[in-house]
Amino acid sequence: MGWCSATEIFDSVCEGLLAEEPKSKKEIIKKLIVALEDGDWDCQQDSEFWDHPLVREVMRELHPRWFDGA
């Protein structure tokens, strides 16, 4: 059995990478996070990149309440 919803995630990331004017790393990470969360991703903090400055910046923009009081 496959994971067909992964196609949407793959396409979202490729759209940013393969566009006429490729997106920035930040924009692609944001697209990836949004696509994964649309697929019910709920273990973001388990990523080995959770503490990466760029990932953390995007997460703060998408989920500011997660960082209240941090």
PDB file of N, CA and C in Angstrom:
ATOM      1  N   MET A   1       0.846  -1.183   0.000  1.00  0.00           N
ATOM      2  CA  MET A   1       0.000   0.000   0.000  1.00  0.00           C
ATOM      3  C   MET A   1       0.887   1.241   0.000  1.00  0.00           C
ATOM      4  N   GLY A   2       0.556   2.189  -0.833  1.00  0.00           N
ATOM      5  CA  GLY A   2       1.371   3.386  -0.985  1.00  0.00           C
ATOM      6  C   GLY A   2       0.901   4.541  -0.116  1.00  0.00           C
ATOM      7  N   TRP A   3       1.617   5.612  -0.218  1.00  0.00           N
ATOM      8  CA  TRP A   3       1.295   6.830   0.522  1.00  0.00           C
ATOM      9  C   TRP A   3       1.075   7.921  -0.510  1.00  0.00           C
ATOM     10  N   CYS A   4      -0.109   7.921  -1.127  1.00  0.00           N
ATOM     11  CA  CYS A   4      -0.377   8.816  -2.252  1.00  0.00           C
ATOM     12  C   CYS A   4      -0.338  10.288  -1.852  1.00  0.00           C
ATOM     13  N   SER A   5      -0.642  10.603  -0.607  1.00  0.00           N
ATOM     14  CA  SER A   5      -0.603  12.010  -0.201  1.00  0.00           C
ATOM     15  C   SER A   5       0.813  12.576  -0.275  1.00  0.00           C
ATOM     16  N   ALA A   6       1.808  11.713  -0.323  1.00  0.00           N
ATOM     17  CA  ALA A   6       3.186  12.181  -0.460  1.00  0.00           C
ATOM     18  C   ALA A   6       3.396  12.873  -1.802  1.00  0.00           C
ATOM     19  N   THR A   7       2.585  12.534  -2.797  1.00  0.00           N
ATOM     20  CA  THR A   7       2.690  13.174  -4.105  1.00  0.00           C
ATOM     21  C   THR A   7       2.474  14.678  -3.977  1.00  0.00           C
ATOM     22  N   GLU A   8       1.506  15.079  -3.170  1.00  0.00           N
ATOM     23  CA  GLU A   8       1.241  16.506  -2.962  1.00  0.00           C
ATOM     24  C   GLU A   8       2.446  17.186  -2.309  1.00  0.00           C
ATOM     25  N   ILE A   9       3.069  16.525  -1.373  1.00  0.00           N
ATOM     26  CA  ILE A   9       4.241  17.079  -0.700  1.00  0.00           C
ATOM     27  C   ILE A   9       5.396  17.190  -1.688  1.00  0.00           C
ATOM     28  N   PHE A  10       5.626  16.129  -2.429  1.00  0.00           N
ATOM     29  CA  PHE A  10       6.694  16.130  -3.430  1.00  0.00           C
ATOM     30  C   PHE A  10       6.480  17.244  -4.445  1.00  0.00           C
ATOM     31  N   ASP A  11       5.253  17.359  -4.949  1.00  0.00           N
ATOM     32  CA  ASP A  11       4.949  18.382  -5.953  1.00  0.00           C
ATOM     33  C   ASP A  11       5.119  19.791  -5.400  1.00  0.00           C
ATOM     34  N   SER A  12       4.728  19.992  -4.157  1.00  0.00           N
ATOM     35  CA  SER A  12       4.860  21.309  -3.534  1.00  0.00           C
ATOM     36  C   SER A  12       6.320  21.734  -3.453  1.00  0.00           C
ATOM     37  N   VAL A  13       7.180  20.814  -3.051  1.00  0.00           N
ATOM     38  CA  VAL A  13       8.605  21.131  -2.931  1.00  0.00           C
ATOM     39  C   VAL A  13       9.223  21.311  -4.316  1.00  0.00           C
ATOM     40  N   CYS A  14       8.909  20.439  -5.250  1.00  0.00           N
ATOM     41  CA  CYS A  14       9.451  20.563  -6.605  1.00  0.00           C
ATOM     42  C   CYS A  14       9.013  21.865  -7.256  1.00  0.00           C
ATOM     43  N   GLU A  15       7.800  22.286  -6.989  1.00  0.00           N
ATOM     44  CA  GLU A  15       7.302  23.552  -7.534  1.00  0.00           C
ATOM     45  C   GLU A  15       8.227  24.700  -7.140  1.00  0.00           C
ATOM     46  N   GLY A  16       8.655  24.703  -5.898  1.00  0.00           N
ATOM     47  CA  GLY A  16       9.561  25.751  -5.429  1.00  0.00           C
ATOM     48  C   GLY A  16      10.960  25.619  -5.981  1.00  0.00           C
ATOM     49  N   LEU A  17      11.431  24.391  -6.130  1.00  0.00           N
ATOM     50  CA  LEU A  17      12.793  24.170  -6.606  1.00  0.00           C
ATOM     51  C   LEU A  17      12.941  24.353  -8.111  1.00  0.00           C
ATOM     52  N   LEU A  18      11.911  23.999  -8.852  1.00  0.00           N
ATOM     53  CA  LEU A  18      12.016  23.964 -10.308  1.00  0.00           C
ATOM     54  C   LEU A  18      11.344  25.135 -11.013  1.00  0.00           C
ATOM     55  N   ALA A  19      10.875  26.097 -10.265  1.00  0.00           N
ATOM     56  CA  ALA A  19      10.215  27.263 -10.854  1.00  0.00           C
ATOM     57  C   ALA A  19      11.210  28.048 -11.699  1.00  0.00           C
ATOM     58  N   GLU A  20      10.687  28.874 -12.594  1.00  0.00           N
ATOM     59  CA  GLU A  20      11.538  29.735 -13.421  1.00  0.00           C
ATOM     60  C   GLU A  20      12.557  30.461 -12.544  1.00  0.00           C
ATOM     61  N   GLU A  21      12.062  31.041 -11.475  1.00  0.00           N
ATOM     62  CA  GLU A  21      12.926  31.675 -10.482  1.00  0.00           C
ATOM     63  C   GLU A  21      12.807  30.855  -9.204  1.00  0.00           C
ATOM     64  N   PRO A  22      13.759  29.962  -8.964  1.00  0.00           N
ATOM     65  CA  PRO A  22      13.670  29.095  -7.790  1.00  0.00           C
ATOM     66  C   PRO A  22      13.458  29.902  -6.507  1.00  0.00           C
ATOM     67  N   LYS A  23      12.720  29.311  -5.613  1.00  0.00           N
ATOM     68  CA  LYS A  23      12.416  29.936  -4.330  1.00  0.00           C
ATOM     69  C   LYS A  23      13.630  29.857  -3.408  1.00  0.00           C
ATOM     70  N   SER A  24      13.608  30.691  -2.393  1.00  0.00           N
ATOM     71  CA  SER A  24      14.682  30.656  -1.392  1.00  0.00           C
ATOM     72  C   SER A  24      14.541  29.402  -0.522  1.00  0.00           C
ATOM     73  N   LYS A  25      15.596  29.079   0.184  1.00  0.00           N
ATOM     74  CA  LYS A  25      15.544  27.942   1.103  1.00  0.00           C
ATOM     75  C   LYS A  25      14.401  28.121   2.097  1.00  0.00           C
ATOM     76  N   LYS A  26      14.247  29.332   2.593  1.00  0.00           N
ATOM     77  CA  LYS A  26      13.195  29.613   3.571  1.00  0.00           C
ATOM     78  C   LYS A  26      11.813  29.350   2.980  1.00  0.00           C
ATOM     79  N   GLU A  27      11.591  29.813   1.759  1.00  0.00           N
ATOM     80  CA  GLU A  27      10.288  29.593   1.123  1.00  0.00           C
ATOM     81  C   GLU A  27      10.019  28.114   0.890  1.00  0.00           C
ATOM     82  N   ILE A  28      11.041  27.371   0.511  1.00  0.00           N
ATOM     83  CA  ILE A  28      10.864  25.935   0.272  1.00  0.00           C
ATOM     84  C   ILE A  28      10.609  25.204   1.582  1.00  0.00           C
ATOM     85  N   ILE A  29      11.330  25.554   2.628  1.00  0.00           N
ATOM     86  CA  ILE A  29      11.087  24.934   3.934  1.00  0.00           C
ATOM     87  C   ILE A  29       9.667  25.225   4.396  1.00  0.00           C
ATOM     88  N   LYS A  30       9.216  26.453   4.198  1.00  0.00           N
ATOM     89  CA  LYS A  30       7.851  26.805   4.589  1.00  0.00           C
ATOM     90  C   LYS A  30       6.840  25.971   3.796  1.00  0.00           C
ATOM     91  N   LYS A  31       7.042  25.850   2.479  1.00  0.00           N
ATOM     92  CA  LYS A  31       6.148  25.034   1.659  1.00  0.00           C
ATOM     93  C   LYS A  31       6.133  23.587   2.148  1.00  0.00           C
ATOM     94  N   LEU A  32       7.305  23.065   2.494  1.00  0.00           N
ATOM     95  CA  LEU A  32       7.408  21.690   2.975  1.00  0.00           C
ATOM     96  C   LEU A  32       6.662  21.509   4.288  1.00  0.00           C
ATOM     97  N   ILE A  33       6.877  22.416   5.221  1.00  0.00           N
ATOM     98  CA  ILE A  33       6.198  22.323   6.515  1.00  0.00           C
ATOM     99  C   ILE A  33       4.690  22.378   6.339  1.00  0.00           C
ATOM    100  N   VAL A  34       4.219  23.323   5.550  1.00  0.00           N
ATOM    101  CA  VAL A  34       2.769  23.462   5.329  1.00  0.00           C
ATOM    102  C   VAL A  34       2.203  22.198   4.695  1.00  0.00           C
ATOM    103  N   ALA A  35       2.890  21.664   3.687  1.00  0.00           N
ATOM    104  CA  ALA A  35       2.404  20.451   3.024  1.00  0.00           C
ATOM    105  C   ALA A  35       2.372  19.274   3.998  1.00  0.00           C
ATOM    106  N   LEU A  36       3.419  19.118   4.795  1.00  0.00           N
ATOM    107  CA  LEU A  36       3.450  18.027   5.766  1.00  0.00           C
ATOM    108  C   LEU A  36       2.365  18.189   6.825  1.00  0.00           C
ATOM    109  N   GLU A  37       2.166  19.409   7.297  1.00  0.00           N
ATOM    110  CA  GLU A  37       1.139  19.640   8.311  1.00  0.00           C
ATOM    111  C   GLU A  37      -0.261  19.440   7.743  1.00  0.00           C
ATOM    112  N   ASP A  38      -0.433  19.744   6.468  1.00  0.00           N
ATOM    113  CA  ASP A  38      -1.725  19.452   5.828  1.00  0.00           C
ATOM    114  C   ASP A  38      -1.991  17.954   5.809  1.00  0.00           C
ATOM    115  N   GLY A  39      -0.919  17.169   5.837  1.00  0.00           N
ATOM    116  CA  GLY A  39      -1.033  15.717   5.903  1.00  0.00           C
ATOM    117  C   GLY A  39      -1.001  15.192   7.322  1.00  0.00           C
ATOM    118  N   ASP A  40      -1.242  16.059   8.290  1.00  0.00           N
ATOM    119  CA  ASP A  40      -1.330  15.710   9.714  1.00  0.00           C
ATOM    120  C   ASP A  40       0.004  15.478  10.402  1.00  0.00           C
ATOM    121  N   TRP A  41       1.071  16.080   9.890  1.00  0.00           N
ATOM    122  CA  TRP A  41       2.356  15.985  10.580  1.00  0.00           C
ATOM    123  C   TRP A  41       2.218  16.665  11.929  1.00  0.00           C
ATOM    124  N   ASP A  42       2.537  15.946  12.992  1.00  0.00           N
ATOM    125  CA  ASP A  42       2.377  16.514  14.329  1.00  0.00           C
ATOM    126  C   ASP A  42       3.568  16.214  15.244  1.00  0.00           C
ATOM    127  N   CYS A  43       4.690  15.868  14.642  1.00  0.00           N
ATOM    128  CA  CYS A  43       5.875  15.574  15.456  1.00  0.00           C
ATOM    129  C   CYS A  43       7.061  16.405  14.970  1.00  0.00           C
ATOM    130  N   GLN A  44       6.791  17.671  14.696  1.00  0.00           N
ATOM    131  CA  GLN A  44       7.807  18.574  14.168  1.00  0.00           C
ATOM    132  C   GLN A  44       9.043  18.631  15.057  1.00  0.00           C
ATOM    133  N   GLN A  45       8.831  18.631  16.349  1.00  0.00           N
ATOM    134  CA  GLN A  45       9.950  18.768  17.291  1.00  0.00           C
ATOM    135  C   GLN A  45      10.871  17.553  17.285  1.00  0.00           C
ATOM    136  N   ASP A  46      10.458  16.466  16.643  1.00  0.00           N
ATOM    137  CA  ASP A  46      11.302  15.280  16.554  1.00  0.00           C
ATOM    138  C   ASP A  46      12.310  15.366  15.412  1.00  0.00           C
ATOM    139  N   SER A  47      12.162  16.351  14.556  1.00  0.00           N
ATOM    140  CA  SER A  47      13.093  16.504  13.435  1.00  0.00           C
ATOM    141  C   SER A  47      14.485  16.850  13.943  1.00  0.00           C
ATOM    142  N   GLU A  48      15.498  16.273  13.322  1.00  0.00           N
ATOM    143  CA  GLU A  48      16.870  16.627  13.708  1.00  0.00           C
ATOM    144  C   GLU A  48      17.208  18.053  13.309  1.00  0.00           C
ATOM    145  N   PHE A  49      16.340  18.688  12.513  1.00  0.00           N
ATOM    146  CA  PHE A  49      16.567  20.068  12.085  1.00  0.00           C
ATOM    147  C   PHE A  49      15.750  21.075  12.899  1.00  0.00           C
ATOM    148  N   TRP A  50      15.073  20.626  13.925  1.00  0.00           N
ATOM    149  CA  TRP A  50      14.232  21.492  14.750  1.00  0.00           C
ATOM    150  C   TRP A  50      14.989  22.714  15.261  1.00  0.00           C
ATOM    151  N   ASP A  51      16.232  22.544  15.634  1.00  0.00           N
ATOM    152  CA  ASP A  51      17.015  23.642  16.195  1.00  0.00           C
ATOM    153  C   ASP A  51      17.821  24.422  15.152  1.00  0.00           C
ATOM    154  N   HIS A  52      17.698  24.055  13.896  1.00  0.00           N
ATOM    155  CA  HIS A  52      18.404  24.801  12.848  1.00  0.00           C
ATOM    156  C   HIS A  52      17.803  26.211  12.794  1.00  0.00           C
ATOM    157  N   PRO A  53      18.623  27.243  12.734  1.00  0.00           N
ATOM    158  CA  PRO A  53      18.115  28.621  12.780  1.00  0.00           C
ATOM    159  C   PRO A  53      17.059  28.938  11.724  1.00  0.00           C
ATOM    160  N   LEU A  54      17.238  28.460  10.510  1.00  0.00           N
ATOM    161  CA  LEU A  54      16.270  28.764   9.461  1.00  0.00           C
ATOM    162  C   LEU A  54      14.954  28.017   9.678  1.00  0.00           C
ATOM    163  N   VAL A  55      15.048  26.776  10.086  1.00  0.00           N
ATOM    164  CA  VAL A  55      13.839  25.995  10.377  1.00  0.00           C
ATOM    165  C   VAL A  55      13.104  26.624  11.560  1.00  0.00           C
ATOM    166  N   ARG A  56      13.845  27.000  12.574  1.00  0.00           N
ATOM    167  CA  ARG A  56      13.243  27.615  13.759  1.00  0.00           C
ATOM    168  C   ARG A  56      12.555  28.924  13.380  1.00  0.00           C
ATOM    169  N   GLU A  57      13.159  29.718  12.500  1.00  0.00           N
ATOM    170  CA  GLU A  57      12.564  30.977  12.052  1.00  0.00           C
ATOM    171  C   GLU A  57      11.223  30.730  11.353  1.00  0.00           C
ATOM    172  N   VAL A  58      11.196  29.741  10.480  1.00  0.00           N
ATOM    173  CA  VAL A  58       9.952  29.424   9.765  1.00  0.00           C
ATOM    174  C   VAL A  58       8.902  28.905  10.739  1.00  0.00           C
ATOM    175  N   MET A  59       9.307  28.037  11.653  1.00  0.00           N
ATOM    176  CA  MET A  59       8.356  27.505  12.634  1.00  0.00           C
ATOM    177  C   MET A  59       7.767  28.631  13.490  1.00  0.00           C
ATOM    178  N   ARG A  60       8.603  29.589  13.867  1.00  0.00           N
ATOM    179  CA  ARG A  60       8.111  30.729  14.651  1.00  0.00           C
ATOM    180  C   ARG A  60       7.096  31.549  13.859  1.00  0.00           C
ATOM    181  N   GLU A  61       7.336  31.708  12.566  1.00  0.00           N
ATOM    182  CA  GLU A  61       6.390  32.447  11.733  1.00  0.00           C
ATOM    183  C   GLU A  61       5.072  31.701  11.589  1.00  0.00           C
ATOM    184  N   LEU A  62       5.150  30.392  11.418  1.00  0.00           N
ATOM    185  CA  LEU A  62       3.937  29.602  11.226  1.00  0.00           C
ATOM    186  C   LEU A  62       3.193  29.334  12.533  1.00  0.00           C
ATOM    187  N   HIS A  63       3.931  29.212  13.626  1.00  0.00           N
ATOM    188  CA  HIS A  63       3.332  28.820  14.917  1.00  0.00           C
ATOM    189  C   HIS A  63       3.887  29.671  16.058  1.00  0.00           C
ATOM    190  N   PRO A  64       3.623  30.963  16.066  1.00  0.00           N
ATOM    191  CA  PRO A  64       4.216  31.820  17.091  1.00  0.00           C
ATOM    192  C   PRO A  64       3.859  31.406  18.519  1.00  0.00           C
ATOM    193  N   ARG A  65       2.696  30.843  18.726  1.00  0.00           N
ATOM    194  CA  ARG A  65       2.292  30.451  20.084  1.00  0.00           C
ATOM    195  C   ARG A  65       3.163  29.352  20.660  1.00  0.00           C
ATOM    196  N   TRP A  66       3.752  28.555  19.786  1.00  0.00           N
ATOM    197  CA  TRP A  66       4.626  27.472  20.266  1.00  0.00           C
ATOM    198  C   TRP A  66       5.837  28.047  20.982  1.00  0.00           C
ATOM    199  N   PHE A  67       6.159  29.293  20.705  1.00  0.00           N
ATOM    200  CA  PHE A  67       7.389  29.882  21.223  1.00  0.00           C
ATOM    201  C   PHE A  67       7.117  30.985  22.234  1.00  0.00           C
ATOM    202  N   ASP A  68       5.870  31.173  22.615  1.00  0.00           N
ATOM    203  CA  ASP A  68       5.545  32.157  23.646  1.00  0.00           C
ATOM    204  C   ASP A  68       6.301  31.802  24.929  1.00  0.00           C
ATOM    205  N   GLY A  69       6.976  32.767  25.465  1.00  0.00           N
ATOM    206  CA  GLY A  69       7.696  32.545  26.715  1.00  0.00           C
ATOM    207  C   GLY A  69       9.015  31.821  26.551  1.00  0.00           C
ATOM    208  N   ALA A  70       9.401  31.575  25.297  1.00  0.00           N
ATOM    209  CA  ALA A  70      10.656  30.845  25.064  1.00  0.00           C
ATOM    210  C   ALA A  70      11.846  31.764  25.212  1.00  0.00           C
TER     211      ALA A  70
END
